[in-house]
Protein backbone atom coordinates (compact mmCIF):
# COMPACT_ATOMS: atom_id res chain seq x y z
CA MET A 1 25.83 164.96 171.19
CA LEU A 2 23.49 166.05 174.01
CA THR A 3 21.06 163.26 173.03
CA ILE A 4 23.88 160.69 173.38
CA LEU A 5 24.73 162.10 176.78
CA GLN A 6 21.09 161.93 177.86
CA ILE A 7 20.85 158.29 176.68
CA PHE A 8 24.02 157.48 178.60
CA GLN A 9 22.56 159.19 181.66
CA VAL A 10 19.44 157.02 181.44
CA LEU A 11 21.56 153.88 181.05
CA LEU A 12 23.53 154.84 184.15
CA ASN A 13 20.24 155.29 186.07
CA VAL A 14 19.16 151.81 184.98
CA VAL A 15 22.49 150.31 186.07
CA TRP A 16 22.15 152.09 189.46
CA TRP A 17 18.70 150.57 190.08
CA ILE A 18 19.73 147.13 188.90
CA ILE A 19 22.59 147.13 191.42
CA VAL A 20 20.37 148.41 194.26
CA VAL A 21 17.74 145.79 193.53
CA GLN A 22 20.39 143.08 193.41
CA ALA A 23 21.78 144.21 196.80
CA ILE A 24 18.36 144.19 198.42
CA LEU A 25 17.58 140.78 196.96
CA SER A 26 20.89 139.37 198.15
CA TRP A 27 20.13 140.58 201.74
CA LEU A 28 16.66 139.01 201.55
CA ILE A 29 18.23 135.74 200.44
CA ALA A 30 21.02 135.95 203.00
CA PHE A 31 18.57 136.46 205.90
CA ASN A 32 16.37 133.65 204.54
CA ILE A 33 13.35 135.95 204.10
CA ILE A 34 12.99 134.64 200.54
CA ASN A 35 14.72 131.59 199.15
CA THR A 36 16.05 130.61 195.77
CA HIS A 37 13.95 127.43 195.59
CA THR A 38 11.10 129.53 194.24
CA ASP A 39 11.27 129.70 190.45
CA ILE A 40 10.62 133.45 190.14
CA VAL A 41 13.22 134.35 192.77
CA ARG A 42 15.78 132.12 191.17
CA THR A 43 15.05 133.53 187.70
CA VAL A 44 15.30 137.19 188.86
CA TRP A 45 18.45 136.45 190.91
CA THR A 46 20.09 134.72 187.95
CA ALA A 47 19.20 137.54 185.58
CA LEU A 48 20.54 140.17 187.97
CA GLN A 49 23.79 138.26 188.47
CA ARG A 50 24.31 137.93 184.68
CA MET A 51 23.69 141.68 184.19
CA THR A 52 26.04 142.83 186.98
CA GLU A 53 28.82 140.20 186.93
CA PRO A 54 30.63 141.87 183.93
CA LEU A 55 30.67 145.11 185.93
CA TYR A 56 31.91 143.51 189.10
CA ARG A 57 34.58 141.18 187.71
CA PRO A 58 37.24 143.87 186.94
CA ILE A 59 36.68 145.52 190.29
CA ARG A 60 36.97 142.14 192.10
CA ARG A 61 40.36 141.55 190.44
CA ILE A 62 41.67 144.86 191.83
CA LEU A 63 40.11 144.83 195.32
CA PRO A 64 41.66 142.68 198.03
CA ASP A 65 39.65 139.74 199.32
CA PHE A 66 37.53 140.65 202.30
CA GLY A 67 36.02 137.22 202.76
CA ALA A 68 32.24 137.28 202.74
CA LEU A 69 32.15 141.11 202.36
CA ASP A 70 31.92 142.06 198.66
CA LEU A 71 32.61 145.78 198.06
CA SER A 72 32.49 145.71 194.27
CA PRO A 73 28.85 146.81 194.08
CA MET A 74 29.67 149.86 196.19
CA VAL A 75 32.66 150.68 193.92
CA VAL A 76 30.51 150.34 190.83
CA LEU A 77 27.83 152.56 192.39
CA LEU A 78 30.54 155.15 193.18
CA ILE A 79 31.72 155.04 189.53
CA VAL A 80 28.18 155.33 188.25
CA TYR A 81 27.62 158.32 190.58
CA ILE A 82 30.78 160.07 189.46
CA LEU A 83 29.91 159.52 185.76
CA SER A 84 26.30 160.57 186.28
CA ASN A 85 26.78 163.68 188.38
CA ILE A 86 30.25 164.97 187.45
CA VAL A 87 31.41 163.74 184.08
CA ILE A 88 28.24 163.90 182.01
CA PRO A 89 27.16 167.38 183.21
CA ASN A 90 30.68 168.74 182.55
CA LEU A 91 30.71 167.20 179.09
CA ALA A 92 27.25 168.64 178.35
CA ALA A 93 28.29 172.13 179.64
CA SER A 94 31.49 172.11 177.56
CA TYR A 95 29.55 171.00 174.48
CA ILE A 96 27.01 173.77 174.95
CA THR A 97 29.64 176.51 175.55
CA SER A 98 31.67 175.39 172.56
CA GLY A 99 28.85 176.56 170.31
CA TYR A 100 27.67 173.35 168.70
């Protein structure tokens, strides 16, 4: 059980970094520091969007429309933080104290 929780913790860390990299890349694209006409940028951008869109879609349905401001990455990061720092440690502690 602890191994499964550790794997889940690693996956949450990977998701965290994917979202952070996507946010930084979106700012670089928005401020025209890099452009999507470059093949590598377009490939990375498309891959990041395909990885994160299933996470953002349910959040976007719930959140009101703020126009150009998209708060769904922040909400997903908050959920990842709560799972990573509150839920998983409490599950691990309860598993250890239960004597398994």
